[in-house]
Amino acid sequence: MEVLDTALEEVKVLRQQRHGDERGWFTRAWCQHEYTDAGLDPVAAQVNFSSTSRRGTVRGLHRQVEPHAEAKTVWVVSGAILDVAVDLRDGSPTRAEHVAAELSADNGLGLHVPKGFAHGFQALTDDVVMVYVMSQFYAPGTEQGVRFDDPTIGIDWPLPVTVLSDKDAALPPLGPPETP
């Protein structure tokens, strides 16, 4: 696994080595040893699949907070997305900054989103299928999110938004950092 740096030190783009021949290709999507060696959270508590039918759909920006803060790695199995990680950590010098990467079945890239960061994406094609490797179990009541179009964050979504859930439409803008 090749670990590529992004503008935010903790967020990494991952490139798995594909082994191919006339039949197609094979790659290892997740390996605890490789994650540990790369300094990434090596825990895989839960694996989720996600399907998005329509190009332009935006999902996010979501995270879980302590005591169930989660790291996640996202891969695209079919189609393409613009994947985004936003630093929401209080006291972080990069709070409200984000990185975006195009992930697709063709390019085979993954995005590692560390604890404290929100995650969201926009489908660039119809019929996107994704897999998430999560470091924590889903814990209702620890979810947080911010608006996908918050001007403080300034994400440049490449397509007009075609679908947005009621839940995501109701997310608040990014507020000031929490005070102890």
N, C-alpha and C. Protein backbone atom coordinates (compact mmCIF):
# COMPACT_ATOMS: atom_id res chain seq x y z
N MET A 1 0.84 -1.17 0.00
CA MET A 1 0.00 0.00 0.00
C MET A 1 0.89 1.23 0.00
N GLU A 2 0.58 2.15 -0.89
CA GLU A 2 1.28 3.42 -0.93
C GLU A 2 0.42 4.46 -0.23
N VAL A 3 1.00 5.19 0.72
CA VAL A 3 0.29 6.21 1.48
C VAL A 3 0.73 7.58 0.96
N LEU A 4 -0.23 8.33 0.44
CA LEU A 4 0.06 9.64 -0.15
C LEU A 4 -0.43 10.75 0.78
N ASP A 5 0.41 11.74 0.98
CA ASP A 5 0.05 12.88 1.83
C ASP A 5 -0.96 13.78 1.13
N THR A 6 -1.73 14.51 1.96
CA THR A 6 -2.66 15.52 1.47
C THR A 6 -2.31 16.84 2.14
N ALA A 7 -3.06 17.87 1.86
CA ALA A 7 -2.83 19.18 2.48
C ALA A 7 -3.08 19.16 3.98
N LEU A 8 -3.84 18.19 4.47
CA LEU A 8 -4.05 18.01 5.91
C LEU A 8 -3.27 16.78 6.33
N GLU A 9 -2.30 16.97 7.19
CA GLU A 9 -1.33 15.93 7.52
C GLU A 9 -1.93 14.59 7.90
N GLU A 10 -3.05 14.59 8.62
CA GLU A 10 -3.62 13.35 9.13
C GLU A 10 -4.45 12.59 8.10
N VAL A 11 -4.93 13.28 7.07
CA VAL A 11 -5.75 12.66 6.02
C VAL A 11 -4.82 12.11 4.95
N LYS A 12 -5.05 10.87 4.56
CA LYS A 12 -4.16 10.22 3.60
C LYS A 12 -4.95 9.64 2.44
N VAL A 13 -4.38 9.72 1.25
CA VAL A 13 -4.89 9.00 0.09
C VAL A 13 -4.10 7.70 0.03
N LEU A 14 -4.82 6.61 -0.19
CA LEU A 14 -4.19 5.29 -0.22
C LEU A 14 -4.27 4.70 -1.62
N ARG A 15 -3.15 4.16 -2.07
CA ARG A 15 -3.11 3.50 -3.37
C ARG A 15 -2.69 2.06 -3.15
N GLN A 16 -3.60 1.16 -3.40
CA GLN A 16 -3.29 -0.26 -3.27
C GLN A 16 -2.60 -0.74 -4.55
N GLN A 17 -1.73 -1.69 -4.41
CA GLN A 17 -1.08 -2.28 -5.57
C GLN A 17 -2.02 -3.28 -6.21
N ARG A 18 -2.32 -3.07 -7.48
CA ARG A 18 -3.18 -4.01 -8.20
C ARG A 18 -2.32 -5.02 -8.94
N HIS A 19 -2.71 -6.27 -8.85
CA HIS A 19 -2.03 -7.35 -9.56
C HIS A 19 -3.01 -7.83 -10.62
N GLY A 20 -2.65 -7.66 -11.88
CA GLY A 20 -3.60 -7.99 -12.94
C GLY A 20 -3.02 -8.87 -14.03
N ASP A 21 -3.95 -9.46 -14.73
CA ASP A 21 -3.63 -10.23 -15.92
C ASP A 21 -4.86 -10.21 -16.82
N GLU A 22 -4.94 -11.11 -17.79
CA GLU A 22 -6.06 -11.10 -18.75
C GLU A 22 -7.41 -11.33 -18.09
N ARG A 23 -7.43 -11.85 -16.87
CA ARG A 23 -8.69 -12.09 -16.16
C ARG A 23 -9.24 -10.85 -15.47
N GLY A 24 -8.37 -9.88 -15.19
CA GLY A 24 -8.74 -8.70 -14.42
C GLY A 24 -7.65 -8.39 -13.42
N TRP A 25 -8.01 -7.96 -12.22
CA TRP A 25 -7.00 -7.61 -11.22
C TRP A 25 -7.46 -8.01 -9.82
N PHE A 26 -6.50 -8.02 -8.91
CA PHE A 26 -6.72 -8.31 -7.50
C PHE A 26 -5.95 -7.27 -6.70
N THR A 27 -6.52 -6.81 -5.59
CA THR A 27 -5.81 -5.93 -4.67
C THR A 27 -6.25 -6.21 -3.25
N ARG A 28 -5.38 -5.92 -2.33
CA ARG A 28 -5.72 -6.03 -0.92
C ARG A 28 -6.29 -4.67 -0.50
N ALA A 29 -7.54 -4.65 -0.06
CA ALA A 29 -8.19 -3.39 0.30
C ALA A 29 -7.80 -2.91 1.69
N TRP A 30 -7.54 -3.84 2.60
CA TRP A 30 -7.22 -3.45 3.97
C TRP A 30 -6.35 -4.52 4.60
N CYS A 31 -5.27 -4.08 5.27
CA CYS A 31 -4.38 -5.00 5.96
C CYS A 31 -3.93 -4.33 7.25
N GLN A 32 -4.19 -4.97 8.38
CA GLN A 32 -3.85 -4.40 9.68
C GLN A 32 -2.36 -4.07 9.76
N HIS A 33 -1.50 -4.92 9.26
CA HIS A 33 -0.06 -4.67 9.31
C HIS A 33 0.31 -3.42 8.51
N GLU A 34 -0.27 -3.27 7.32
CA GLU A 34 0.04 -2.09 6.50
C GLU A 34 -0.44 -0.81 7.17
N TYR A 35 -1.62 -0.85 7.78
CA TYR A 35 -2.13 0.33 8.48
C TYR A 35 -1.22 0.70 9.65
N THR A 36 -0.83 -0.29 10.44
CA THR A 36 0.06 -0.04 11.57
C THR A 36 1.38 0.54 11.09
N ASP A 37 1.97 -0.05 10.07
CA ASP A 37 3.25 0.42 9.53
C ASP A 37 3.15 1.85 9.00
N ALA A 38 1.97 2.24 8.49
CA ALA A 38 1.77 3.58 7.93
C ALA A 38 1.35 4.60 8.99
N GLY A 39 1.18 4.15 10.26
CA GLY A 39 0.77 5.06 11.31
C GLY A 39 -0.71 5.41 11.28
N LEU A 40 -1.51 4.57 10.62
CA LEU A 40 -2.96 4.78 10.55
C LEU A 40 -3.65 3.93 11.59
N ASP A 41 -4.88 4.30 11.94
CA ASP A 41 -5.64 3.53 12.92
C ASP A 41 -5.89 2.13 12.35
N PRO A 42 -5.31 1.08 12.97
CA PRO A 42 -5.38 -0.26 12.39
C PRO A 42 -6.63 -1.05 12.80
N VAL A 43 -7.59 -0.42 13.49
CA VAL A 43 -8.76 -1.14 13.96
C VAL A 43 -9.83 -1.17 12.87
N ALA A 44 -10.41 -2.34 12.66
CA ALA A 44 -11.54 -2.49 11.74
C ALA A 44 -12.69 -3.10 12.54
N ALA A 45 -13.54 -2.24 13.08
CA ALA A 45 -14.66 -2.70 13.90
C ALA A 45 -15.88 -3.03 13.06
N GLN A 46 -16.01 -2.37 11.93
CA GLN A 46 -17.23 -2.51 11.13
C GLN A 46 -16.90 -2.19 9.68
N VAL A 47 -17.51 -2.91 8.75
CA VAL A 47 -17.37 -2.62 7.32
C VAL A 47 -18.76 -2.35 6.76
N ASN A 48 -18.91 -1.22 6.09
CA ASN A 48 -20.20 -0.81 5.54
C ASN A 48 -20.12 -0.67 4.02
N PHE A 49 -21.22 -0.96 3.36
CA PHE A 49 -21.37 -0.68 1.94
C PHE A 49 -22.37 0.45 1.79
N SER A 50 -22.20 1.25 0.76
CA SER A 50 -23.10 2.36 0.47
C SER A 50 -23.36 2.38 -1.02
N SER A 51 -24.60 2.60 -1.39
CA SER A 51 -24.99 2.70 -2.79
C SER A 51 -25.64 4.07 -3.01
N THR A 52 -25.22 4.77 -4.04
CA THR A 52 -25.80 6.06 -4.40
C THR A 52 -26.20 5.99 -5.87
N SER A 53 -27.48 6.18 -6.12
CA SER A 53 -28.04 5.97 -7.45
C SER A 53 -27.77 7.09 -8.44
N ARG A 54 -27.86 8.35 -7.97
CA ARG A 54 -27.86 9.47 -8.90
C ARG A 54 -26.62 10.34 -8.82
N ARG A 55 -26.07 10.61 -9.96
CA ARG A 55 -24.97 11.56 -10.13
C ARG A 55 -25.38 12.90 -9.52
N GLY A 56 -24.48 13.55 -8.82
CA GLY A 56 -24.76 14.84 -8.20
C GLY A 56 -25.23 14.75 -6.75
N THR A 57 -25.60 13.55 -6.30
CA THR A 57 -26.03 13.37 -4.91
C THR A 57 -24.88 13.72 -3.97
N VAL A 58 -25.21 14.44 -2.89
CA VAL A 58 -24.23 14.73 -1.84
C VAL A 58 -24.69 14.04 -0.57
N ARG A 59 -23.73 13.38 0.09
CA ARG A 59 -23.97 12.77 1.41
C ARG A 59 -22.93 13.36 2.36
N GLY A 60 -23.40 13.81 3.52
CA GLY A 60 -22.47 14.35 4.51
C GLY A 60 -22.73 15.82 4.75
N LEU A 61 -21.97 16.34 5.59
CA LEU A 61 -20.70 15.95 6.20
C LEU A 61 -20.96 15.39 7.59
N HIS A 62 -20.49 14.17 7.87
CA HIS A 62 -20.82 13.45 9.10
C HIS A 62 -19.56 13.00 9.85
N ARG A 63 -19.74 12.83 11.16
CA ARG A 63 -18.73 12.20 12.01
C ARG A 63 -19.41 11.70 13.28
N GLN A 64 -18.70 10.84 14.01
CA GLN A 64 -19.09 10.46 15.37
C GLN A 64 -18.08 11.09 16.31
N VAL A 65 -18.56 11.49 17.50
CA VAL A 65 -17.68 12.13 18.48
C VAL A 65 -17.40 11.18 19.64
N GLU A 66 -16.45 11.57 20.46
CA GLU A 66 -16.07 10.75 21.63
C GLU A 66 -17.28 10.48 22.50
N PRO A 67 -17.37 9.32 23.07
CA PRO A 67 -16.33 8.30 23.16
C PRO A 67 -16.32 7.33 21.98
N HIS A 68 -17.02 7.67 20.92
CA HIS A 68 -17.12 6.77 19.77
C HIS A 68 -16.57 7.40 18.49
N ALA A 69 -15.62 8.32 18.63
CA ALA A 69 -15.01 8.93 17.45
C ALA A 69 -14.43 7.82 16.58
N GLU A 70 -14.56 7.99 15.29
CA GLU A 70 -14.16 6.94 14.37
C GLU A 70 -13.22 7.45 13.29
N ALA A 71 -12.29 6.60 12.92
CA ALA A 71 -11.52 6.78 11.69
C ALA A 71 -12.20 5.91 10.66
N LYS A 72 -12.07 6.27 9.40
CA LYS A 72 -12.65 5.44 8.35
C LYS A 72 -11.79 5.52 7.11
N THR A 73 -11.80 4.45 6.35
CA THR A 73 -11.18 4.42 5.04
C THR A 73 -12.28 4.10 4.04
N VAL A 74 -12.32 4.87 2.97
CA VAL A 74 -13.38 4.79 1.98
C VAL A 74 -12.78 4.36 0.64
N TRP A 75 -13.44 3.39 0.00
CA TRP A 75 -13.04 2.90 -1.32
C TRP A 75 -14.28 2.90 -2.21
N VAL A 76 -14.09 3.12 -3.49
CA VAL A 76 -15.19 3.06 -4.46
C VAL A 76 -15.06 1.75 -5.23
N VAL A 77 -16.15 1.00 -5.24
CA VAL A 77 -16.18 -0.29 -5.93
C VAL A 77 -16.73 -0.14 -7.34
N SER A 78 -17.65 0.81 -7.51
CA SER A 78 -18.27 1.06 -8.81
C SER A 78 -18.56 2.55 -8.92
N GLY A 79 -18.20 3.16 -10.05
CA GLY A 79 -18.47 4.57 -10.26
C GLY A 79 -17.35 5.45 -9.77
N ALA A 80 -17.71 6.73 -9.45
CA ALA A 80 -16.71 7.71 -9.02
C ALA A 80 -17.36 8.74 -8.11
N ILE A 81 -16.55 9.26 -7.17
CA ILE A 81 -17.02 10.29 -6.25
C ILE A 81 -15.94 11.35 -6.06
N LEU A 82 -16.35 12.51 -5.57
CA LEU A 82 -15.44 13.45 -4.96
C LEU A 82 -15.60 13.23 -3.47
N ASP A 83 -14.55 12.76 -2.80
CA ASP A 83 -14.59 12.43 -1.38
C ASP A 83 -13.92 13.55 -0.60
N VAL A 84 -14.53 13.94 0.53
CA VAL A 84 -14.08 15.11 1.27
C VAL A 84 -13.92 14.78 2.74
N ALA A 85 -12.83 15.25 3.34
CA ALA A 85 -12.59 15.17 4.78
C ALA A 85 -12.40 16.59 5.30
N VAL A 86 -13.13 16.94 6.38
CA VAL A 86 -13.09 18.28 6.97
C VAL A 86 -12.62 18.18 8.41
N ASP A 87 -11.62 18.95 8.77
CA ASP A 87 -11.11 18.96 10.14
C ASP A 87 -12.08 19.72 11.03
N LEU A 88 -12.70 19.00 11.97
CA LEU A 88 -13.62 19.62 12.93
C LEU A 88 -13.09 19.55 14.36
N ARG A 89 -11.83 19.26 14.51
CA ARG A 89 -11.25 19.12 15.85
C ARG A 89 -11.09 20.49 16.51
N ASP A 90 -11.64 20.62 17.71
CA ASP A 90 -11.46 21.84 18.48
C ASP A 90 -9.98 22.02 18.80
N GLY A 91 -9.49 23.23 18.65
CA GLY A 91 -8.09 23.53 18.95
C GLY A 91 -7.13 23.19 17.85
N SER A 92 -7.60 22.59 16.77
CA SER A 92 -6.71 22.24 15.66
C SER A 92 -6.37 23.48 14.85
N PRO A 93 -5.10 23.65 14.48
CA PRO A 93 -4.74 24.80 13.64
C PRO A 93 -5.33 24.73 12.23
N THR A 94 -5.82 23.54 11.85
CA THR A 94 -6.43 23.41 10.52
C THR A 94 -7.94 23.21 10.61
N ARG A 95 -8.55 23.58 11.76
CA ARG A 95 -10.00 23.44 11.92
C ARG A 95 -10.71 24.19 10.79
N ALA A 96 -11.72 23.54 10.22
CA ALA A 96 -12.55 24.04 9.12
C ALA A 96 -11.88 23.88 7.75
N GLU A 97 -10.65 23.41 7.70
CA GLU A 97 -10.01 23.15 6.41
C GLU A 97 -10.41 21.76 5.93
N HIS A 98 -10.36 21.58 4.62
CA HIS A 98 -10.75 20.29 4.06
C HIS A 98 -9.80 19.87 2.95
N VAL A 99 -9.85 18.59 2.64
CA VAL A 99 -9.19 18.05 1.46
C VAL A 99 -10.22 17.24 0.69
N ALA A 100 -10.03 17.19 -0.61
CA ALA A 100 -10.93 16.43 -1.47
C ALA A 100 -10.08 15.59 -2.43
N ALA A 101 -10.59 14.41 -2.72
CA ALA A 101 -9.90 13.51 -3.66
C ALA A 101 -10.94 12.80 -4.50
N GLU A 102 -10.65 12.65 -5.78
CA GLU A 102 -11.54 11.86 -6.63
C GLU A 102 -11.18 10.39 -6.45
N LEU A 103 -12.16 9.63 -6.02
CA LEU A 103 -12.01 8.19 -5.86
C LEU A 103 -12.90 7.51 -6.89
N SER A 104 -12.38 6.47 -7.51
CA SER A 104 -13.19 5.76 -8.50
C SER A 104 -12.79 4.30 -8.55
N ALA A 105 -13.66 3.52 -9.13
CA ALA A 105 -13.33 2.11 -9.35
C ALA A 105 -12.13 2.00 -10.28
N ASP A 106 -12.01 2.94 -11.21
CA ASP A 106 -10.90 2.89 -12.16
C ASP A 106 -9.56 3.26 -11.53
N ASN A 107 -9.53 4.33 -10.70
CA ASN A 107 -8.22 4.74 -10.17
C ASN A 107 -7.82 3.96 -8.92
N GLY A 108 -8.76 3.28 -8.28
CA GLY A 108 -8.44 2.41 -7.15
C GLY A 108 -7.95 3.13 -5.90
N LEU A 109 -8.13 4.44 -5.81
CA LEU A 109 -7.67 5.18 -4.65
C LEU A 109 -8.67 5.08 -3.51
N GLY A 110 -8.16 5.16 -2.29
CA GLY A 110 -8.99 5.23 -1.10
C GLY A 110 -8.63 6.47 -0.31
N LEU A 111 -9.52 6.89 0.57
CA LEU A 111 -9.24 8.03 1.44
C LEU A 111 -9.36 7.59 2.88
N HIS A 112 -8.31 7.86 3.66
CA HIS A 112 -8.33 7.58 5.10
C HIS A 112 -8.69 8.87 5.82
N VAL A 113 -9.83 8.84 6.54
CA VAL A 113 -10.35 9.99 7.27
C VAL A 113 -10.15 9.72 8.76
N PRO A 114 -9.29 10.48 9.43
CA PRO A 114 -9.00 10.20 10.84
C PRO A 114 -10.10 10.67 11.78
N LYS A 115 -10.00 10.25 13.04
CA LYS A 115 -10.92 10.68 14.07
C LYS A 115 -10.94 12.20 14.15
N GLY A 116 -12.14 12.74 14.41
CA GLY A 116 -12.28 14.19 14.56
C GLY A 116 -12.60 14.91 13.26
N PHE A 117 -12.53 14.21 12.15
CA PHE A 117 -12.81 14.79 10.85
C PHE A 117 -14.21 14.38 10.39
N ALA A 118 -14.91 15.30 9.75
CA ALA A 118 -16.18 14.96 9.12
C ALA A 118 -15.90 14.42 7.72
N HIS A 119 -16.82 13.62 7.23
CA HIS A 119 -16.67 13.00 5.91
C HIS A 119 -17.93 13.22 5.09
N GLY A 120 -17.75 13.46 3.81
CA GLY A 120 -18.87 13.56 2.89
C GLY A 120 -18.37 13.32 1.47
N PHE A 121 -19.32 13.16 0.57
CA PHE A 121 -18.93 12.94 -0.83
C PHE A 121 -20.04 13.37 -1.77
N GLN A 122 -19.65 13.57 -3.03
CA GLN A 122 -20.62 13.79 -4.10
C GLN A 122 -20.40 12.72 -5.15
N ALA A 123 -21.50 12.10 -5.59
CA ALA A 123 -21.42 11.09 -6.66
C ALA A 123 -21.15 11.80 -7.98
N LEU A 124 -20.10 11.39 -8.67
CA LEU A 124 -19.75 11.95 -9.97
C LEU A 124 -20.34 11.14 -11.11
N THR A 125 -20.84 9.96 -10.78
CA THR A 125 -21.47 9.09 -11.77
C THR A 125 -22.75 8.53 -11.15
N ASP A 126 -23.60 7.98 -11.96
CA ASP A 126 -24.74 7.22 -11.46
C ASP A 126 -24.21 5.89 -10.91
N ASP A 127 -24.99 5.29 -10.03
CA ASP A 127 -24.74 3.93 -9.54
C ASP A 127 -23.37 3.75 -8.90
N VAL A 128 -23.10 4.56 -7.90
CA VAL A 128 -21.85 4.46 -7.14
C VAL A 128 -22.04 3.43 -6.03
N VAL A 129 -21.05 2.57 -5.85
CA VAL A 129 -21.01 1.64 -4.72
C VAL A 129 -19.68 1.86 -4.01
N MET A 130 -19.78 2.02 -2.68
CA MET A 130 -18.60 2.28 -1.86
C MET A 130 -18.52 1.28 -0.72
N VAL A 131 -17.31 1.10 -0.20
CA VAL A 131 -17.10 0.31 1.00
C VAL A 131 -16.34 1.18 1.99
N TYR A 132 -16.77 1.12 3.25
CA TYR A 132 -16.15 1.87 4.34
C TYR A 132 -15.59 0.88 5.35
N VAL A 133 -14.36 1.05 5.76
CA VAL A 133 -13.80 0.30 6.87
C VAL A 133 -13.76 1.27 8.05
N MET A 134 -14.51 0.95 9.10
CA MET A 134 -14.70 1.85 10.24
C MET A 134 -13.93 1.35 11.46
N SER A 135 -13.33 2.27 12.22
CA SER A 135 -12.58 1.89 13.42
C SER A 135 -13.45 1.76 14.66
N GLN A 136 -14.70 2.21 14.58
CA GLN A 136 -15.64 2.12 15.70
C GLN A 136 -16.97 1.61 15.18
N PHE A 137 -17.75 1.05 16.08
CA PHE A 137 -19.10 0.64 15.74
C PHE A 137 -20.00 1.87 15.66
N TYR A 138 -21.04 1.79 14.87
CA TYR A 138 -22.03 2.87 14.81
C TYR A 138 -22.63 3.05 16.19
N ALA A 139 -22.68 4.29 16.66
CA ALA A 139 -23.19 4.59 18.00
C ALA A 139 -24.20 5.73 17.90
N PRO A 140 -25.49 5.41 17.79
CA PRO A 140 -26.50 6.46 17.73
C PRO A 140 -26.34 7.43 18.90
N GLY A 141 -26.56 8.69 18.64
CA GLY A 141 -26.43 9.70 19.67
C GLY A 141 -25.06 10.36 19.72
N THR A 142 -24.08 9.79 18.99
CA THR A 142 -22.76 10.42 18.94
C THR A 142 -22.49 11.02 17.57
N GLU A 143 -23.52 11.08 16.75
CA GLU A 143 -23.37 11.62 15.40
C GLU A 143 -23.40 13.15 15.43
N GLN A 144 -22.59 13.74 14.60
CA GLN A 144 -22.61 15.18 14.37
C GLN A 144 -22.41 15.40 12.88
N GLY A 145 -22.74 16.58 12.47
CA GLY A 145 -22.52 16.93 11.08
C GLY A 145 -22.57 18.42 10.88
N VAL A 146 -22.10 18.85 9.74
CA VAL A 146 -22.18 20.25 9.33
C VAL A 146 -22.67 20.30 7.89
N ARG A 147 -23.19 21.46 7.52
CA ARG A 147 -23.74 21.66 6.18
C ARG A 147 -22.68 21.43 5.10
N PHE A 148 -23.09 20.76 4.04
CA PHE A 148 -22.20 20.48 2.91
C PHE A 148 -21.78 21.75 2.20
N ASP A 149 -22.60 22.80 2.29
CA ASP A 149 -22.35 24.05 1.58
C ASP A 149 -21.94 25.19 2.51
N ASP A 150 -21.43 24.85 3.69
CA ASP A 150 -21.02 25.88 4.64
C ASP A 150 -19.91 26.74 4.03
N PRO A 151 -20.12 28.06 3.94
CA PRO A 151 -19.11 28.92 3.31
C PRO A 151 -17.80 29.00 4.10
N THR A 152 -17.84 28.71 5.41
CA THR A 152 -16.62 28.70 6.21
C THR A 152 -15.69 27.60 5.73
N ILE A 153 -16.26 26.47 5.33
CA ILE A 153 -15.47 25.34 4.85
C ILE A 153 -15.12 25.53 3.37
N GLY A 154 -16.09 25.95 2.57
CA GLY A 154 -15.82 26.32 1.17
C GLY A 154 -15.51 25.17 0.23
N ILE A 155 -16.25 24.09 0.34
CA ILE A 155 -16.03 22.97 -0.58
C ILE A 155 -16.57 23.34 -1.95
N ASP A 156 -15.76 23.10 -2.98
CA ASP A 156 -16.15 23.36 -4.36
C ASP A 156 -16.68 22.06 -4.96
N TRP A 157 -17.97 21.79 -4.76
CA TRP A 157 -18.57 20.58 -5.32
C TRP A 157 -18.61 20.73 -6.84
N PRO A 158 -18.16 19.72 -7.57
CA PRO A 158 -18.02 19.87 -9.02
C PRO A 158 -19.32 19.86 -9.81
N LEU A 159 -20.39 19.30 -9.24
CA LEU A 159 -21.67 19.19 -9.96
C LEU A 159 -22.77 19.89 -9.18
N PRO A 160 -23.83 20.30 -9.86
CA PRO A 160 -25.00 20.77 -9.12
C PRO A 160 -25.52 19.63 -8.24
N VAL A 161 -26.00 19.98 -7.04
CA VAL A 161 -26.52 18.97 -6.12
C VAL A 161 -27.89 18.52 -6.60
N THR A 162 -28.02 17.23 -6.88
CA THR A 162 -29.29 16.69 -7.39
C THR A 162 -30.13 16.06 -6.30
N VAL A 163 -29.48 15.46 -5.30
CA VAL A 163 -30.19 14.80 -4.20
C VAL A 163 -29.44 15.11 -2.91
N LEU A 164 -30.21 15.46 -1.87
CA LEU A 164 -29.68 15.70 -0.54
C LEU A 164 -30.74 15.22 0.44
N SER A 165 -30.37 14.40 1.41
CA SER A 165 -31.37 13.91 2.36
C SER A 165 -31.90 15.05 3.22
N ASP A 166 -33.10 14.86 3.76
CA ASP A 166 -33.66 15.84 4.68
C ASP A 166 -32.74 16.02 5.88
N LYS A 167 -32.18 14.92 6.37
CA LYS A 167 -31.27 14.97 7.52
C LYS A 167 -30.05 15.84 7.21
N ASP A 168 -29.44 15.64 6.04
CA ASP A 168 -28.26 16.43 5.68
C ASP A 168 -28.63 17.89 5.40
N ALA A 169 -29.81 18.13 4.83
CA ALA A 169 -30.26 19.51 4.57
C ALA A 169 -30.47 20.27 5.87
N ALA A 170 -30.78 19.56 6.96
CA ALA A 170 -31.04 20.20 8.25
C ALA A 170 -29.78 20.36 9.12
N LEU A 171 -28.63 19.89 8.64
CA LEU A 171 -27.41 20.01 9.43
C LEU A 171 -27.06 21.49 9.61
N PRO A 172 -26.49 21.83 10.77
CA PRO A 172 -26.16 23.24 11.02
C PRO A 172 -24.87 23.65 10.32
N PRO A 173 -24.66 24.95 10.19
CA PRO A 173 -23.34 25.41 9.72
C PRO A 173 -22.30 25.17 10.82
N LEU A 174 -21.07 25.27 10.44
CA LEU A 174 -19.97 25.09 11.40
C LEU A 174 -20.02 26.25 12.38
N GLY A 175 -20.11 25.92 13.64
CA GLY A 175 -20.11 26.94 14.68
C GLY A 175 -18.71 27.17 15.22
N PRO A 176 -18.61 28.01 16.23
CA PRO A 176 -17.30 28.23 16.86
C PRO A 176 -16.85 26.98 17.59
N PRO A 177 -15.57 26.85 17.84
CA PRO A 177 -15.07 25.69 18.59
C PRO A 177 -15.73 25.61 19.96
N GLU A 178 -15.88 24.37 20.45
CA GLU A 178 -16.43 24.19 21.78
C GLU A 178 -15.44 24.69 22.81
N THR A 179 -15.94 25.25 23.89
CA THR A 179 -15.06 25.69 24.96
C THR A 179 -15.18 24.73 26.13
N PRO A 180 -14.05 24.47 26.80
CA PRO A 180 -14.09 23.51 27.91
C PRO A 180 -14.90 24.02 29.09
